[in-house]
Every structure is written in C-alpha cells, then in structure tokens.
Protein backbone atom coordinates (compact mmCIF):
# COMPACT_ATOMS: atom_id res chain seq x y z
CA MET A 1 2.76 4.13 -22.67
CA SER A 2 5.57 2.99 -20.43
CA LEU A 3 4.39 0.62 -17.71
CA MET A 4 6.98 -0.35 -15.10
CA ASN A 5 7.06 -2.84 -12.24
CA PHE A 6 9.54 -3.04 -9.39
CA ALA A 7 9.74 -4.25 -5.82
CA ASP A 8 9.12 -1.05 -3.84
CA SER A 9 6.71 1.57 -5.21
CA TYR A 10 8.17 4.33 -3.07
CA ASN A 11 11.92 3.70 -3.36
CA VAL A 12 12.26 5.52 -6.67
CA LYS A 13 15.78 6.81 -6.00
CA THR A 14 17.17 3.37 -6.87
CA ARG A 15 15.26 3.36 -10.18
CA VAL A 16 16.67 6.52 -11.75
CA GLN A 17 18.21 4.70 -14.71
CA GLN A 18 14.99 2.80 -15.43
CA PHE A 19 12.98 6.04 -15.42
CA GLN A 20 15.56 7.67 -17.70
CA ASN A 21 15.35 4.74 -20.12
CA GLU A 22 11.58 5.06 -20.32
CA LEU A 23 11.61 8.84 -20.69
CA ASN A 24 14.16 8.54 -23.49
CA TRP A 25 12.00 5.93 -25.21
CA ILE A 26 8.93 8.18 -25.00
CA SER A 27 10.93 11.13 -26.30
CA GLY A 28 12.19 9.07 -29.22
CA LYS A 29 8.71 7.83 -30.11
CA THR A 30 6.94 11.19 -29.83
CA GLY A 31 9.78 13.32 -31.17
CA LYS A 32 9.95 15.50 -28.07
CA MET A 33 10.16 15.37 -24.31
CA PRO A 34 7.09 16.86 -22.56
CA SER A 35 7.90 20.05 -20.69
CA GLN A 36 5.52 19.18 -17.86
CA ALA A 37 3.64 16.15 -16.57
CA LEU A 38 0.80 15.57 -14.16
CA PHE A 39 1.65 13.34 -11.21
CA ILE A 40 -1.38 11.29 -10.15
CA SER A 41 -0.30 10.42 -6.63
CA TYR A 42 -3.52 8.92 -5.26
CA ALA A 43 -1.99 5.46 -4.69
CA TYR A 44 0.61 6.83 -2.27
CA LYS A 45 0.09 5.76 1.34
CA GLY A 46 3.62 6.14 2.69
CA GLY A 47 4.75 8.21 5.62
CA ASN A 48 6.30 11.29 4.04
CA PHE A 49 4.74 12.41 0.77
CA PRO A 50 6.75 15.65 0.36
CA VAL A 51 10.01 13.65 0.35
CA PHE A 52 8.56 11.08 -2.05
CA PHE A 53 7.27 13.77 -4.40
CA HIS A 54 10.64 15.53 -4.31
CA ASP A 55 12.41 12.29 -5.25
CA VAL A 56 10.08 11.63 -8.19
CA ALA A 57 10.09 15.27 -9.33
CA GLU A 58 13.89 15.32 -9.25
CA ILE A 59 14.09 12.33 -11.59
CA PHE A 60 11.82 14.03 -14.12
CA SER A 61 13.51 17.41 -13.65
CA GLN A 62 16.79 15.86 -14.80
CA ALA A 63 15.04 15.17 -18.12
CA GLY A 64 13.63 18.71 -18.28
CA VAL A 65 10.11 17.70 -17.22
CA LYS A 66 8.32 19.72 -14.52
CA LEU A 67 6.10 17.52 -12.39
CA THR A 68 2.83 18.88 -10.97
CA ASP A 69 0.98 16.96 -8.27
CA ILE A 70 -2.72 16.47 -8.94
CA ALA A 71 -3.50 17.55 -5.35
CA SER A 72 -2.21 21.05 -6.13
CA GLY A 73 -5.25 22.13 -8.16
CA ASP A 74 -8.55 21.15 -9.72
CA PRO A 75 -8.17 17.52 -10.90
CA SER A 76 -10.39 17.89 -13.96
CA THR A 77 -8.50 20.97 -15.19
CA LEU A 78 -5.12 19.36 -14.55
CA ILE A 79 -6.08 16.12 -16.31
CA ASN A 80 -7.52 17.93 -19.31
CA THR A 81 -4.44 20.15 -19.76
CA ALA A 82 -1.60 17.74 -18.90
CA GLU A 83 1.17 17.13 -21.45
CA ALA A 84 1.84 13.70 -19.91
CA PHE A 85 0.64 11.51 -17.07
CA VAL A 86 2.79 9.96 -14.36
CA VAL A 87 0.97 7.53 -12.06
CA CYS A 88 2.72 6.01 -9.07
CA GLY A 89 2.15 2.69 -7.37
CA GLY A 90 1.19 2.01 -3.80
CA ASP A 91 -2.33 1.19 -2.61
CA ILE A 92 -4.68 0.17 -5.43
CA ALA A 93 -7.82 0.74 -3.35
CA ALA A 94 -6.72 4.29 -2.53
CA LEU A 95 -6.03 4.98 -6.21
CA ILE A 96 -9.33 3.59 -7.49
CA ASN A 97 -11.43 5.06 -4.70
CA LYS A 98 -10.00 8.55 -5.17
CA LEU A 99 -10.49 8.47 -8.94
CA ALA A 100 -14.05 7.20 -8.44
CA SER A 101 -14.75 10.00 -5.97
CA LEU A 102 -14.02 12.55 -8.70
CA VAL A 103 -16.78 11.26 -10.99
CA THR A 104 -19.51 13.85 -11.59
CA PRO A 105 -22.27 14.17 -14.19
CA VAL A 106 -19.86 16.19 -16.35
CA PHE A 107 -16.45 14.64 -15.56
CA ASN A 108 -15.14 11.10 -15.29
CA PRO A 109 -11.39 10.87 -14.63
CA PHE A 110 -11.14 7.32 -15.99
CA ASN A 111 -12.67 8.40 -19.30
CA ALA A 112 -10.80 11.71 -19.37
CA ILE A 113 -7.39 10.07 -18.93
CA LYS A 114 -8.26 7.44 -21.56
CA TYR A 115 -9.34 10.15 -24.00
CA ARG A 116 -6.11 12.09 -23.49
CA ILE A 117 -3.99 8.97 -23.99
CA ASN A 118 -5.91 8.12 -27.17
CA SER A 119 -5.19 11.68 -28.30
CA GLY A 120 -1.44 11.06 -28.02
CA ILE A 121 -0.62 12.05 -24.43
CA SER A 122 2.21 9.99 -22.94
CA TYR A 123 1.65 7.85 -19.86
CA ILE A 124 4.24 6.54 -17.42
CA GLY A 125 3.13 4.29 -14.59
CA TRP A 126 4.62 1.86 -12.16
CA ASN A 127 3.16 -1.01 -10.16
CA GLU A 128 -0.48 -0.13 -9.39
CA GLY A 129 -0.08 2.89 -11.67
CA SER A 130 0.68 0.43 -14.48
CA ALA A 131 -2.12 -2.02 -13.69
CA ILE A 132 -4.82 0.68 -13.56
CA ILE A 133 -4.36 1.35 -17.29
CA SER A 134 -6.08 -1.98 -18.06
CA PRO A 135 -9.78 -2.55 -18.77
CA LYS A 136 -10.11 -3.68 -15.14
CA TYR A 137 -7.83 -4.02 -12.16
CA PHE A 138 -7.01 -7.69 -11.62
CA GLY A 139 -4.50 -9.02 -9.11
CA PRO A 140 -4.62 -12.80 -8.83
CA PRO A 141 -5.43 -14.78 -6.76
CA SER A 142 -8.00 -12.17 -5.75
CA ASN A 143 -11.14 -12.19 -7.89
CA VAL A 144 -12.23 -8.76 -6.69
CA LEU A 145 -12.38 -6.60 -9.81
CA SER A 146 -12.39 -2.83 -10.01
CA PRO A 147 -12.72 -0.51 -13.02
CA GLY A 148 -9.58 0.52 -14.83
CA ILE A 149 -8.78 3.39 -17.16
CA ASN A 150 -9.22 0.99 -20.11
CA ALA A 151 -6.66 2.71 -22.32
CA CYS A 152 -4.74 -0.51 -22.94
CA PRO A 153 -5.99 -3.47 -24.98
CA TYR A 154 -4.29 -5.92 -22.62
CA GLN A 155 -4.77 -6.84 -18.99
CA ILE A 156 -1.66 -5.68 -17.15
CA ILE A 157 -0.93 -7.64 -13.97
CA THR A 158 1.74 -6.15 -11.72
CA ASN A 159 3.70 -7.60 -8.81
CA TYR A 160 2.77 -11.03 -10.12
CA LYS A 161 3.74 -13.80 -7.70
CA ASP A 162 3.69 -17.59 -7.85
CA PRO A 163 2.97 -18.08 -11.58
CA ALA A 164 2.41 -21.82 -11.17
CA GLN A 165 -0.24 -21.32 -8.48
CA ASN A 166 -1.94 -18.33 -10.10
CA ARG A 167 -1.96 -19.55 -13.70
CA ASN A 168 -5.48 -20.96 -13.38
CA PHE A 169 -6.80 -17.66 -11.99
CA VAL A 170 -5.44 -15.89 -15.07
CA LYS A 171 -7.03 -18.48 -17.35
CA ASN A 172 -10.44 -18.10 -15.71
CA TYR A 173 -10.18 -14.31 -15.92
CA LEU A 174 -9.37 -14.33 -19.64
CA VAL A 175 -12.13 -16.86 -20.38
CA ALA A 176 -14.65 -14.71 -18.50
CA ASN A 177 -13.42 -11.55 -20.25
CA SER A 178 -12.96 -12.79 -23.81
CA PHE A 179 -12.75 -9.21 -25.16
CA ILE A 180 -9.29 -9.01 -23.57
CA ASP A 181 -6.88 -10.60 -26.04
CA MET A 182 -3.92 -11.02 -23.72
CA ALA A 183 -2.80 -10.68 -20.12
CA VAL A 184 0.70 -9.32 -19.57
CA ALA A 185 2.01 -10.28 -16.14
CA LEU A 186 4.94 -8.34 -14.72
CA ALA A 187 6.42 -10.68 -12.17
CA GLU A 188 7.65 -9.43 -8.83
CA ALA A 189 11.43 -9.34 -9.05
CA PRO A 190 14.12 -7.11 -7.56
CA ASP A 191 15.57 -5.82 -10.82
CA GLY A 192 12.30 -4.54 -12.29
CA SER A 193 10.56 -4.90 -15.62
CA SER A 194 8.77 -2.68 -18.12
CA VAL A 195 6.22 -2.97 -20.88
CA ARG A 196 6.12 -0.46 -23.70
CA LEU A 197 2.84 -0.09 -25.56
CA GLU A 198 2.16 1.92 -28.70
CA GLU A 199 -0.46 2.00 -31.42
CA SER A 200 1.30 -0.57 -33.57
CA GLY A 201 1.45 -3.15 -30.77
CA SER A 202 3.64 -3.82 -27.79
CA GLY A 203 7.32 -4.29 -27.14
CA MET A 204 8.76 -5.91 -24.05
CA ILE A 205 11.99 -4.88 -22.36
CA LEU A 206 14.06 -6.31 -19.52
CA SER A 207 12.41 -9.70 -20.02
CA VAL A 208 15.19 -11.75 -18.42
CA THR A 209 14.63 -14.95 -16.48
CA VAL A 210 15.52 -14.57 -12.80
CA PRO A 211 14.13 -16.87 -11.45
CA TYR A 212 11.18 -16.94 -13.89
CA PRO A 213 10.25 -14.61 -16.75
CA LEU A 214 9.76 -11.04 -15.54
CA VAL A 215 7.24 -10.52 -18.34
CA ILE A 216 4.81 -13.36 -19.02
CA ARG A 217 2.26 -13.07 -21.81
CA TYR A 218 -0.89 -15.16 -21.45
CA LYS A 219 -3.46 -15.88 -24.18
CA ILE A 220 -6.35 -18.27 -24.58
CA VAL A 221 -5.79 -20.42 -27.67
CA GLY A 222 -8.24 -23.19 -28.48
CA GLY A 223 -9.65 -23.00 -24.98
CA ASP A 224 -6.25 -23.48 -23.34
CA LEU A 225 -3.98 -20.95 -21.67
CA GLN A 226 -0.72 -20.40 -23.51
CA GLU A 227 2.18 -18.36 -22.20
CA SER A 228 5.33 -16.90 -23.69
C-alpha cells in the first residue's frame, strides 16, 4: 500500500512526481505495473469532477495504467475484479457514507476491499483515501469514530495538525484501542508525505522536518505515549 498526504486533495497536477514515485515503488515490489485500476472517487466533493478525473487518469495513464471510475458500473463487480485500488481524498463523511450505503446481505465494500488487498491487490490512497485504510477513521481532536477498511495494522492519521495540542487525543485513542499497535500521523505540510506498507512491515519516505516531522509514529509504551 502507498498512502499519501498533501495539502490539497484535488490539486493532483502538482503531485505528478509523487504519484510516479509511488507507482514505481509498487511496480518494483509486485514485479509489474497493473494495467488497470479502480478509482474510488466517493470522497470527491469539488466543483468539476470530469476535470478532476481527467487529471488523475492522465497521471496513471503515463504509467500505462487505465483508470476506471467506480461510478461507471456496478461497485461490487468493479471492486471484485480490480487489479488495483486508487482512493482519493476529499470529504471523509461522503466517502464513508457512500461505502456504507453499498452494504447488502451479500456484499460489504469494506470487507471486499480488505480481502482484495490481503490477496495482493495494490492500494494507492491520499488524504482521506489513506486514512480510511485503518481499522477506524480517526481525525483528532474529533472523537467521532467511523468504520475503516481495516486492511492496515496501524491507525493512519492524515492532515495532522497541531501535534502538541493533539498528542493527548492520540494517546487516549491508542489506550482505548489497545489492539492498534501504532498510530502513524501524516502531518499537514505543503510538500507532502507518504507511508509505504507491506507484509514485512512499514517504510517511511519523505520524513523531513519542516517545521515538524511530516511522519510521526506514536506508540503506547509502559502506559506512556512515545513518538518517533
């Protein structure tokens, strides 16, 4: 999985190099670039979706990946046949509510996406599309929790602001959810950050310090919150 975080979910044209880096990493890890990917666009709440989709599709097309929007067909069929998932950021409530609306007695999109990822399907997300991969959605200081895809062992926190003020919220969350070993906060910063997760563990990239770490890892050790 490649989970990105940057300042504007919709201004992808300025992030071409970052997308290329992540696609190249996925290709190197899996041994091939997927020929097509499913674009889960439910978080988008901007003004001109066709232009946004064109911009995202063009980035992936340059790598030889054909992007298909989930709104173009039956969601369950598209999810179950996708070679890769691409999940954009935007409005987390819109993303979660739309996924929840697809739940039926025979299909659950949260479980279906998790199953496909566990089967080796690649996942690229940014902002809310990164955070939704966690066991739950958690965006401090809010304590309103929503279900996540739960395909990641860590709690991913995106657009993380004010680490000093929100540190205690993270501690309380991890104490209350002791099955989550670590929270990985991607701080809001103009130059972006990414987390790369694979079966053997996690690797962090672009973890520079401007003005505070873009990637902050939180764990509870001996009852106290530690960060690195």
